Protein backbone atom coordinates (compact mmCIF):
# COMPACT_ATOMS: atom_id res chain seq x y z
CA MET A 1 7.16 30.40 4.90
CA GLU A 2 3.96 30.55 2.62
CA TYR A 3 0.97 29.74 4.94
CA ARG A 4 -2.50 28.75 3.50
CA GLN A 5 -6.11 28.05 4.64
CA LEU A 6 -7.13 24.59 5.58
CA GLY A 7 -10.08 23.68 3.79
CA ASN A 8 -12.98 25.32 4.72
CA SER A 9 -11.72 26.33 8.09
CA GLY A 10 -10.19 29.50 9.85
CA LEU A 11 -6.98 27.39 10.37
CA ARG A 12 -3.73 28.63 8.72
CA VAL A 13 -0.98 26.30 8.29
CA PRO A 14 2.70 26.35 6.58
CA VAL A 15 2.93 24.77 3.23
CA LEU A 16 5.15 22.48 4.58
CA SER A 17 5.08 20.23 7.91
CA PHE A 18 7.47 17.90 9.64
CA GLY A 19 6.43 14.39 9.90
CA THR A 20 8.01 12.14 12.89
CA ALA A 21 7.49 8.84 11.44
CA THR A 22 11.54 8.81 12.05
CA PHE A 23 11.14 9.39 15.86
CA GLY A 24 11.90 6.57 17.91
CA GLY A 25 12.43 3.39 15.54
CA GLY A 26 10.68 1.16 17.88
CA ASN A 27 10.44 -1.73 15.39
CA ASP A 28 12.13 -2.98 12.57
CA PHE A 29 9.58 -1.57 10.17
CA PHE A 30 10.15 2.09 11.89
CA LYS A 31 13.77 1.44 12.39
CA ALA A 32 14.13 1.40 8.56
CA TRP A 33 12.35 4.98 8.42
CA GLY A 34 14.61 6.16 11.38
CA SER A 35 15.34 6.11 15.05
CA THR A 36 15.57 9.86 15.90
CA GLN A 37 15.65 10.38 19.66
CA VAL A 38 14.68 13.43 21.69
CA ASP A 39 18.25 15.52 21.59
CA GLU A 40 18.11 15.40 17.55
CA ALA A 41 14.21 15.74 17.41
CA THR A 42 14.54 18.80 19.21
CA ARG A 43 17.07 20.30 17.16
CA MET A 44 14.95 19.28 13.92
CA VAL A 45 12.00 21.17 15.64
CA ASN A 46 14.09 24.11 16.09
CA LEU A 47 15.36 24.22 12.39
CA CYS A 48 11.65 23.88 11.41
CA MET A 49 10.53 26.84 13.74
CA ASP A 50 13.38 28.87 12.28
CA ALA A 51 12.08 28.13 8.84
CA GLY A 52 8.35 29.28 9.91
CA VAL A 53 7.34 25.44 9.78
CA ASN A 54 5.40 25.32 12.93
CA LEU A 55 3.20 22.11 12.01
CA PHE A 56 4.06 18.83 13.34
CA ASP A 57 2.95 15.46 12.08
CA THR A 58 2.69 12.07 14.19
CA SER A 59 0.46 9.27 15.31
CA ASN A 60 -0.22 6.91 17.88
CA ALA A 61 1.09 3.89 15.31
CA TYR A 62 4.52 5.42 14.86
CA SER A 63 6.72 3.34 16.81
CA SER A 64 4.13 2.26 19.18
CA GLY A 65 3.34 5.63 20.11
CA ALA A 66 7.10 6.67 20.98
CA ALA A 67 7.24 9.25 18.35
CA GLU A 68 4.42 10.99 20.13
CA GLU A 69 6.37 10.87 23.18
CA ILE A 70 9.44 12.07 21.65
CA LEU A 71 7.33 15.05 19.71
CA GLY A 72 5.94 15.94 22.79
CA LYS A 73 9.18 16.61 24.68
CA ALA A 74 10.90 18.31 21.77
CA VAL A 75 7.97 20.88 21.69
CA SER A 76 7.23 20.85 25.43
CA SER A 77 8.91 24.61 25.80
CA ILE A 78 7.15 25.91 22.59
CA ARG A 79 3.61 24.06 22.78
CA ASP A 80 1.66 27.18 22.38
CA GLN A 81 3.65 28.11 19.33
CA VAL A 82 3.16 24.83 17.25
CA LEU A 83 0.30 22.81 15.78
CA ILE A 84 0.44 19.08 16.61
CA SER A 85 -1.47 16.71 14.12
CA THR A 86 -1.52 13.28 15.52
CA LYS A 87 -3.89 10.24 14.21
CA ALA A 88 -6.07 7.44 15.61
CA THR A 89 -7.44 4.06 14.22
CA PHE A 90 -4.50 1.61 13.76
CA PRO A 91 -4.11 -0.96 16.64
CA THR A 92 -2.71 -0.04 19.50
CA GLY A 93 -2.53 -3.31 21.33
CA GLY A 94 -4.01 -6.89 21.21
CA GLY A 95 -7.37 -6.30 22.54
CA SER A 96 -10.49 -6.41 20.62
CA ASN A 97 -11.07 -2.93 21.18
CA ASP A 98 -7.50 -1.70 20.55
CA TYR A 99 -8.23 -0.62 17.16
CA GLY A 100 -10.47 0.99 14.73
CA SER A 101 -12.95 4.25 14.76
CA SER A 102 -15.44 3.19 17.40
CA ARG A 103 -16.42 5.36 20.32
CA ILE A 104 -14.68 3.28 22.82
CA HIS A 105 -11.48 3.26 20.93
CA LEU A 106 -11.19 6.94 19.78
CA ILE A 107 -11.94 8.37 23.44
CA LYS A 108 -9.27 6.04 24.88
CA ALA A 109 -6.87 6.69 21.99
CA CYS A 110 -6.94 10.31 22.21
CA GLU A 111 -6.63 10.39 26.01
CA ASP A 112 -3.50 8.11 25.42
CA SER A 113 -2.12 10.56 22.81
CA LEU A 114 -2.69 13.58 24.93
CA LYS A 115 -0.59 12.10 27.88
CA ARG A 116 2.45 10.65 25.63
CA LEU A 117 2.25 14.56 23.83
CA GLY A 118 2.26 16.15 27.14
CA THR A 119 -0.55 18.29 25.98
CA ASP A 120 -4.18 19.03 26.94
CA TYR A 121 -5.28 19.38 23.33
CA ILE A 122 -4.60 18.44 19.85
CA ASP A 123 -4.89 20.87 17.08
CA ILE A 124 -5.74 18.25 14.18
CA TYR A 125 -6.98 14.77 14.82
CA HIS A 126 -6.86 12.63 12.08
CA MET A 127 -8.85 9.13 11.35
CA HIS A 128 -5.86 7.33 10.13
CA GLY A 129 -7.62 5.01 7.80
CA PHE A 130 -11.61 4.13 7.21
CA ASP A 131 -13.15 1.69 9.80
CA ALA A 132 -15.74 -0.16 7.87
CA ASN A 133 -16.68 -2.03 10.80
CA THR A 134 -18.00 1.08 12.70
CA PRO A 135 -20.99 3.15 11.69
CA ILE A 136 -19.61 6.19 10.36
CA TYR A 137 -22.24 8.00 12.87
CA GLU A 138 -20.63 6.76 15.88
CA THR A 139 -17.22 7.71 14.72
CA LEU A 140 -18.16 11.23 13.90
CA LYS A 141 -20.27 11.27 17.40
CA ALA A 142 -16.99 10.69 19.04
CA LEU A 143 -15.40 12.99 17.36
CA GLU A 144 -17.60 15.87 18.40
CA THR A 145 -17.65 14.98 21.70
CA LEU A 146 -13.92 15.34 21.87
CA VAL A 147 -14.17 18.58 20.03
CA GLU A 148 -16.75 19.79 22.50
CA SER A 149 -14.38 18.70 25.49
CA GLY A 150 -11.85 20.93 24.24
CA LYS A 151 -9.49 18.28 23.72
CA VAL A 152 -9.45 18.47 20.02
CA ARG A 153 -9.62 21.60 17.70
CA TYR A 154 -9.88 20.30 14.19
CA ILE A 155 -10.80 16.82 12.72
CA ALA A 156 -9.52 15.28 9.55
CA CYS A 157 -9.27 11.95 7.85
CA SER A 158 -6.60 10.12 5.83
CA ASN A 159 -6.55 7.19 3.34
CA PHE A 160 -10.29 7.65 2.71
CA SER A 161 -12.13 6.79 -0.60
CA GLY A 162 -14.30 9.62 -2.11
CA TRP A 163 -17.44 7.96 -0.95
CA HIS A 164 -16.30 7.61 2.53
CA LEU A 165 -15.35 11.27 2.96
CA MET A 166 -18.53 12.55 1.35
CA LYS A 167 -20.72 10.42 3.17
CA SER A 168 -18.91 11.78 6.51
CA LEU A 169 -19.38 15.26 5.42
CA SER A 170 -23.00 14.75 4.75
CA ILE A 171 -23.73 13.31 8.30
CA SER A 172 -21.75 15.81 9.99
CA GLU A 173 -23.77 18.45 8.20
CA ARG A 174 -26.90 16.72 8.84
CA HIS A 175 -26.33 16.89 12.74
CA GLY A 176 -24.48 20.21 12.95
CA TRP A 177 -21.27 18.44 13.97
CA SER A 178 -17.73 19.43 13.17
CA LYS A 179 -16.89 18.63 9.82
CA TYR A 180 -13.57 17.00 8.35
CA ILE A 181 -11.50 19.95 7.08
CA ALA A 182 -8.75 18.19 5.56
CA HIS A 183 -7.98 14.75 3.86
CA GLN A 184 -4.13 13.40 4.34
CA ALA A 185 -3.42 11.32 1.20
CA TYR A 186 -0.74 9.55 -1.04
CA TYR A 187 0.31 12.13 -3.46
CA SER A 188 3.30 12.46 -5.76
CA LEU A 189 4.42 12.87 -9.39
CA LEU A 190 4.88 8.87 -9.22
CA ASN A 191 1.48 8.30 -7.84
CA ARG A 192 -1.46 10.73 -8.83
CA ASP A 193 -4.54 8.65 -8.30
CA CYS A 194 -6.15 11.12 -5.83
CA GLU A 195 -6.61 13.66 -8.62
CA TRP A 196 -9.39 11.19 -10.16
CA GLU A 197 -11.75 11.44 -7.32
CA LEU A 198 -10.51 13.13 -3.96
CA MET A 199 -9.33 16.10 -5.60
CA PRO A 200 -12.45 17.02 -7.55
CA LEU A 201 -14.22 16.13 -4.14
CA GLY A 202 -11.67 18.60 -2.40
CA ILE A 203 -12.41 21.25 -4.71
CA GLU A 204 -16.23 20.85 -4.75
CA GLU A 205 -16.38 20.68 -0.42
CA GLN A 206 -13.28 22.87 0.38
CA ILE A 207 -11.42 19.99 1.81
CA GLY A 208 -7.68 20.64 2.16
CA THR A 209 -5.29 17.97 0.87
CA ILE A 210 -2.02 17.04 3.25
CA VAL A 211 0.27 15.11 1.35
CA TRP A 212 2.17 12.19 2.79
CA SER A 213 5.29 10.50 0.89
CA PRO A 214 5.38 13.34 -1.32
CA LEU A 215 8.73 11.70 -2.45
CA ALA A 216 7.44 8.22 -3.20
CA SER A 217 9.29 6.68 -0.10
CA GLY A 218 12.13 8.47 -1.67
CA LYS A 219 12.07 7.17 -5.28
CA LEU A 220 11.70 10.86 -6.61
CA SER A 221 14.93 12.03 -4.39
CA GLY A 222 17.35 11.50 -7.41
CA LYS A 223 18.94 8.40 -5.65
CA TYR A 224 16.96 5.52 -8.01
CA ARG A 225 18.12 5.70 -11.55
CA ARG A 226 17.84 3.42 -14.49
CA GLY A 227 20.34 0.52 -14.69
CA GLN A 228 21.27 1.11 -10.80
CA GLU A 229 20.39 -0.61 -7.67
CA ALA A 230 18.31 0.78 -4.98
CA PRO A 231 20.58 2.63 -2.47
CA LYS A 232 21.22 0.09 0.07
CA ASP A 233 20.69 2.79 2.73
CA SER A 234 16.98 3.57 1.47
CA ARG A 235 13.63 2.83 3.17
CA VAL A 236 12.72 0.56 0.22
CA ALA A 237 15.81 -1.70 0.39
CA GLN A 238 15.49 -1.96 4.48
CA GLY A 239 11.91 -3.04 4.41
CA GLY A 240 10.42 0.21 5.62
CA ASN A 241 8.33 1.16 2.65
CA PRO A 242 5.02 2.24 3.43
CA VAL A 243 3.83 2.53 -0.50
CA LYS A 244 3.02 -0.72 -2.23
CA GLY A 245 2.41 -1.53 -5.95
CA ILE A 246 5.42 0.32 -7.20
CA SER A 247 8.59 -1.36 -8.38
CA ALA A 248 11.88 0.08 -7.91
CA ASP A 249 12.70 -0.54 -11.58
CA ASP A 250 9.54 0.94 -12.90
CA GLU A 251 10.16 2.76 -16.15
CA ARG A 252 7.76 5.66 -15.53
CA LEU A 253 10.00 6.49 -12.58
CA TYR A 254 12.73 6.48 -14.55
CA ASN A 255 11.02 8.65 -17.26
CA ILE A 256 9.96 11.25 -14.38
CA VAL A 257 13.53 11.19 -13.25
CA ASP A 258 14.95 12.18 -16.40
CA VAL A 259 12.82 15.46 -16.73
CA LEU A 260 13.55 15.82 -12.81
CA ASP A 261 17.47 15.83 -14.25
CA GLU A 262 16.48 18.33 -16.82
CA LEU A 263 14.81 20.91 -14.62
CA VAL A 264 18.09 20.59 -12.01
CA GLU A 265 20.06 22.00 -14.63
CA GLU A 266 17.48 24.87 -15.25
CA THR A 267 16.83 25.85 -11.64
CA GLY A 268 20.01 24.74 -9.63
CA LYS A 269 17.31 22.73 -7.42
CA THR A 270 17.63 19.20 -6.39
CA PRO A 271 15.26 16.35 -7.81
CA ALA A 272 13.48 16.23 -4.24
CA GLN A 273 12.98 20.01 -4.20
CA ILE A 274 11.65 20.04 -7.45
CA SER A 275 9.21 17.29 -6.80
CA LEU A 276 7.89 18.90 -3.69
CA ASN A 277 7.59 22.17 -5.60
CA TRP A 278 5.41 20.72 -8.14
CA LEU A 279 2.95 19.44 -5.87
CA LEU A 280 2.44 22.72 -3.79
CA GLN A 281 1.32 24.30 -7.24
CA ARG A 282 -1.63 21.43 -7.49
CA PRO A 283 -5.21 22.16 -6.76
CA THR A 284 -6.44 21.72 -2.91
CA VAL A 285 -3.06 20.93 -1.86
CA ALA A 286 -2.50 22.98 1.52
CA ASN A 287 0.30 21.20 3.20
CA ILE A 288 3.01 18.90 2.41
CA ILE A 289 4.48 16.38 5.19
CA ILE A 290 8.28 16.18 4.81
CA GLY A 291 10.11 13.78 6.60
CA ALA A 292 14.24 13.50 7.65
CA ARG A 293 16.54 11.00 9.18
CA ASN A 294 18.95 13.76 9.89
CA GLU A 295 19.23 17.51 9.89
CA GLU A 296 20.93 17.70 6.81
CA GLN A 297 18.09 15.81 4.96
CA LEU A 298 15.58 18.37 6.86
CA LYS A 299 17.29 21.79 5.74
CA GLN A 300 17.58 20.31 1.98
CA ASN A 301 13.84 19.67 2.11
CA LEU A 302 12.90 23.18 3.70
CA GLU A 303 14.33 24.88 0.40
CA ALA A 304 11.52 23.45 -1.63
CA VAL A 305 9.43 26.76 -0.96
CA GLY A 306 10.51 30.32 -1.91
CA TRP A 307 10.47 29.90 -5.56
CA ASN A 308 8.24 28.18 -8.23
CA LEU A 309 8.75 26.35 -11.04
CA THR A 310 7.41 27.91 -14.30
CA THR A 311 4.21 27.09 -15.97
CA GLU A 312 6.27 25.33 -18.70
CA GLN A 313 8.47 23.36 -16.34
CA VAL A 314 5.21 22.29 -14.66
CA LYS A 315 3.53 21.05 -17.95
CA ARG A 316 6.48 19.01 -18.77
CA LEU A 317 6.31 17.12 -15.15
CA ASP A 318 2.73 16.60 -15.70
CA LYS A 319 3.07 15.02 -19.37
CA VAL A 320 5.59 12.84 -18.12
CA SER A 321 3.87 11.81 -15.10
CA GLU A 322 0.38 11.52 -16.27
CA VAL A 323 -1.28 7.93 -16.23
CA LEU A 324 -4.61 7.01 -17.74
CA PRO A 325 -7.44 7.12 -15.25
CA ALA A 326 -9.29 4.11 -13.90
CA TYR A 327 -12.83 4.00 -15.23
CA PRO A 328 -15.27 5.86 -14.94
CA TYR A 329 -12.80 8.69 -14.73
CA TRP A 330 -11.41 8.14 -18.31
CA HIS A 331 -14.99 8.48 -19.60
CA GLN A 332 -15.95 11.45 -17.34
CA ARG A 333 -12.48 13.36 -18.94
CA GLN A 334 -14.05 13.23 -22.41
CA PHE A 335 -16.91 15.34 -21.22
CA SER A 336 -14.49 17.86 -20.13
CA MET A 337 -12.68 17.42 -23.42
CA LEU A 338 -15.85 18.01 -25.07
CA LYS A 339 -16.49 21.32 -23.33
CA ASN A 340 -13.39 22.52 -24.38
CA ASP A 341 -13.35 21.37 -28.05
CA PRO A 342 -17.36 21.05 -28.92
CA ASP A 343 -16.34 19.98 -32.46
CA LEU A 344 -14.18 16.97 -30.87
CA TYR A 345 -16.94 14.32 -32.09
CA GLY A 346 -17.63 15.68 -35.42
CA ASP A 347 -20.52 17.94 -37.01
CA ARG A 348 -23.36 17.64 -34.61
CA LYS A 349 -25.51 20.22 -36.05
């Protein structure tokens, strides 16, 4: 297993981590993802450890905390050998302070996660989303309190926009507090939006990218094909799709799948493995969260490493998955083109 530095920190993480959103199945939404219980979760953890994957990602929002409880039991005997990443911000109850990134909520949310996980520290603590109702200063000060107390080792964020992340980094630097070392983002061949702002920011500020939904809720698994209905056992068909705005009959998806099929013939790998391998060759990507409803699916996903697509194969995937960026990024791209080709706009002598 390859390990990479996570952002501008001393923490090294495997390029694959195991996501536990399939643990618990505590409501209809998460049942559509999976309902893995402790025994099977423990076997999956052992499969990951055998492959060198020692980072496990969860959240206090997954199945109302049940995913944390199951993960905690599954790693209880090897806690000192694993890295645990969990998250806060999403609602944990019906109270007026049971959500968000306020000091009152974060301190309680962290303590509750520690109890469910059966541990006294969290390796990477993510803000699951940006809370526009709480001053950024308050959030970061609360996180610094958790770091200084030893309850949290590193902090990270998820689903932030570029200015959210940059302002947070600026405030932390001004006060000498711990900085976000990673940003957990939706990124795949099917959705490359994070390349326009978050990726350049990550390069400039040394923020590692941890990728969630790298197969776009299974759409890049090879099961979705032109002229065919979506699989009835899929997350999308059962209403457990966390990715909005992408229809199952998207022609662009099918064009990507066509190229994936060509590469299957050339590499002997599966569409999912090829999609994951492409991501591992993108800038700032330090880790990809893989999920699995069962042990066989997990074994298949673990085979995405230990080999690499060729430069030519990567370019083919780049081309078929490319989309015109939103303004002002398409305008800024012209400057990069001008740098590479000074004569692009004609004679300027």
